[in-house]
Amino acid sequence: MRTYTVVLDPDLDEGGYTVTVPALPGCVTQGETVEQCRDRAAEAIAVHLDGLRRDGQPIPDERDHPQLLTVSVAS
């Protein structure tokens, strides 16, 4: 069992979220709700890991959890 952090980025134009997995570059999905994003992320991660295995690539572990910061700047 592996655990990965996923990032939900709101899609302001169309609604829903774009979902990325920082520890797995190129693993991206989308969803309309947080619950749907969680389910789709699990599916996308499983497919991504299967592809890495088929290609003989190592399976990355998430070593550090990503951090989100808010930064204010003058505009």
C-alpha atoms as a PDB file:
ATOM      1  CA  MET A   1       0.000   0.000   0.000  1.00  0.00           C
ATOM      2  CA  ARG A   2       1.341   3.436  -0.955  1.00  0.00           C
ATOM      3  CA  THR A   3       0.006   6.846   0.003  1.00  0.00           C
ATOM      4  CA  TYR A   4       0.358   9.950  -2.156  1.00  0.00           C
ATOM      5  CA  THR A   5      -0.688  13.550  -1.644  1.00  0.00           C
ATOM      6  CA  VAL A   6      -2.950  14.955  -4.357  1.00  0.00           C
ATOM      7  CA  VAL A   7      -3.512  18.632  -5.129  1.00  0.00           C
ATOM      8  CA  LEU A   8      -6.942  19.897  -6.159  1.00  0.00           C
ATOM      9  CA  ASP A   9      -6.729  23.088  -8.191  1.00  0.00           C
ATOM     10  CA  PRO A  10     -10.125  24.771  -8.715  1.00  0.00           C
ATOM     11  CA  ASP A  11     -11.053  25.352 -12.353  1.00  0.00           C
ATOM     12  CA  LEU A  12     -12.552  28.826 -12.111  1.00  0.00           C
ATOM     13  CA  ASP A  13     -13.809  28.907 -15.714  1.00  0.00           C
ATOM     14  CA  GLU A  14     -15.617  25.570 -15.915  1.00  0.00           C
ATOM     15  CA  GLY A  15     -15.991  24.483 -12.284  1.00  0.00           C
ATOM     16  CA  GLY A  16     -14.638  21.361 -10.665  1.00  0.00           C
ATOM     17  CA  TYR A  17     -10.972  20.679 -10.069  1.00  0.00           C
ATOM     18  CA  THR A  18      -7.811  19.617 -11.830  1.00  0.00           C
ATOM     19  CA  VAL A  19      -6.043  16.977  -9.736  1.00  0.00           C
ATOM     20  CA  THR A  20      -2.265  16.442  -9.772  1.00  0.00           C
ATOM     21  CA  VAL A  21       0.050  14.146  -7.838  1.00  0.00           C
ATOM     22  CA  PRO A  22       3.328  15.973  -7.109  1.00  0.00           C
ATOM     23  CA  ALA A  23       5.276  12.749  -6.425  1.00  0.00           C
ATOM     24  CA  LEU A  24       4.141  11.315  -9.798  1.00  0.00           C
ATOM     25  CA  PRO A  25       4.819  13.866 -12.542  1.00  0.00           C
ATOM     26  CA  GLY A  26       2.339  13.472 -15.384  1.00  0.00           C
ATOM     27  CA  CYS A  27      -0.342  11.873 -13.206  1.00  0.00           C
ATOM     28  CA  VAL A  28      -3.306  14.199 -13.722  1.00  0.00           C
ATOM     29  CA  THR A  29      -7.076  13.815 -13.588  1.00  0.00           C
ATOM     30  CA  GLN A  30     -10.122  15.964 -12.878  1.00  0.00           C
ATOM     31  CA  GLY A  31     -13.380  15.897 -10.962  1.00  0.00           C
ATOM     32  CA  GLU A  32     -16.444  17.936 -10.170  1.00  0.00           C
ATOM     33  CA  THR A  33     -16.475  17.312  -6.402  1.00  0.00           C
ATOM     34  CA  VAL A  34     -13.820  16.575  -3.788  1.00  0.00           C
ATOM     35  CA  GLU A  35     -15.170  13.031  -3.436  1.00  0.00           C
ATOM     36  CA  GLN A  36     -15.048  12.468  -7.190  1.00  0.00           C
ATOM     37  CA  CYS A  37     -11.511  13.869  -7.265  1.00  0.00           C
ATOM     38  CA  ARG A  38     -10.434  11.427  -4.548  1.00  0.00           C
ATOM     39  CA  ASP A  39     -11.882   8.462  -6.456  1.00  0.00           C
ATOM     40  CA  ARG A  40     -10.442   9.538  -9.785  1.00  0.00           C
ATOM     41  CA  ALA A  41      -7.056  10.271  -8.220  1.00  0.00           C
ATOM     42  CA  ALA A  42      -6.914   6.729  -6.820  1.00  0.00           C
ATOM     43  CA  GLU A  43      -7.717   5.345 -10.289  1.00  0.00           C
ATOM     44  CA  ALA A  44      -5.180   7.614 -12.010  1.00  0.00           C
ATOM     45  CA  ILE A  45      -2.456   6.702  -9.529  1.00  0.00           C
ATOM     46  CA  ALA A  46      -3.108   2.971  -9.982  1.00  0.00           C
ATOM     47  CA  VAL A  47      -2.923   3.300 -13.785  1.00  0.00           C
ATOM     48  CA  HIS A  48       0.209   5.448 -13.549  1.00  0.00           C
ATOM     49  CA  LEU A  49       1.957   2.952 -11.264  1.00  0.00           C
ATOM     50  CA  ASP A  50       0.973   0.049 -13.556  1.00  0.00           C
ATOM     51  CA  GLY A  51       2.529   1.927 -16.476  1.00  0.00           C
ATOM     52  CA  LEU A  52       5.745   2.495 -14.545  1.00  0.00           C
ATOM     53  CA  ARG A  53       5.909  -1.219 -13.656  1.00  0.00           C
ATOM     54  CA  ARG A  54       5.310  -2.270 -17.287  1.00  0.00           C
ATOM     55  CA  ASP A  55       8.074   0.078 -18.418  1.00  0.00           C
ATOM     56  CA  GLY A  56      10.484  -1.260 -15.792  1.00  0.00           C
ATOM     57  CA  GLN A  57      10.648   2.111 -14.040  1.00  0.00           C
ATOM     58  CA  PRO A  58      10.971   2.498 -10.256  1.00  0.00           C
ATOM     59  CA  ILE A  59       7.847   3.285  -8.242  1.00  0.00           C
ATOM     60  CA  PRO A  60       8.443   6.608  -6.448  1.00  0.00           C
ATOM     61  CA  ASP A  61       7.659   6.963  -2.765  1.00  0.00           C
ATOM     62  CA  GLU A  62       6.402  10.273  -1.499  1.00  0.00           C
ATOM     63  CA  ARG A  63       9.175  11.352   0.847  1.00  0.00           C
ATOM     64  CA  ASP A  64       8.020  14.860   1.741  1.00  0.00           C
ATOM     65  CA  HIS A  65       4.472  16.124   1.770  1.00  0.00           C
ATOM     66  CA  PRO A  66       3.914  19.161  -0.453  1.00  0.00           C
ATOM     67  CA  GLN A  67       3.120  22.401   1.338  1.00  0.00           C
ATOM     68  CA  LEU A  68       0.840  25.147   0.094  1.00  0.00           C
ATOM     69  CA  LEU A  69       1.548  28.743   0.992  1.00  0.00           C
ATOM     70  CA  THR A  70      -0.344  31.944   0.343  1.00  0.00           C
ATOM     71  CA  VAL A  71       1.843  34.900  -0.613  1.00  0.00           C
ATOM     72  CA  SER A  72       0.545  38.460  -0.951  1.00  0.00           C
ATOM     73  CA  VAL A  73       2.209  40.950  -3.289  1.00  0.00           C
ATOM     74  CA  ALA A  74       1.391  44.511  -4.259  1.00  0.00           C
ATOM     75  CA  SER A  75      -0.291  44.816  -7.619  1.00  0.00           C
END
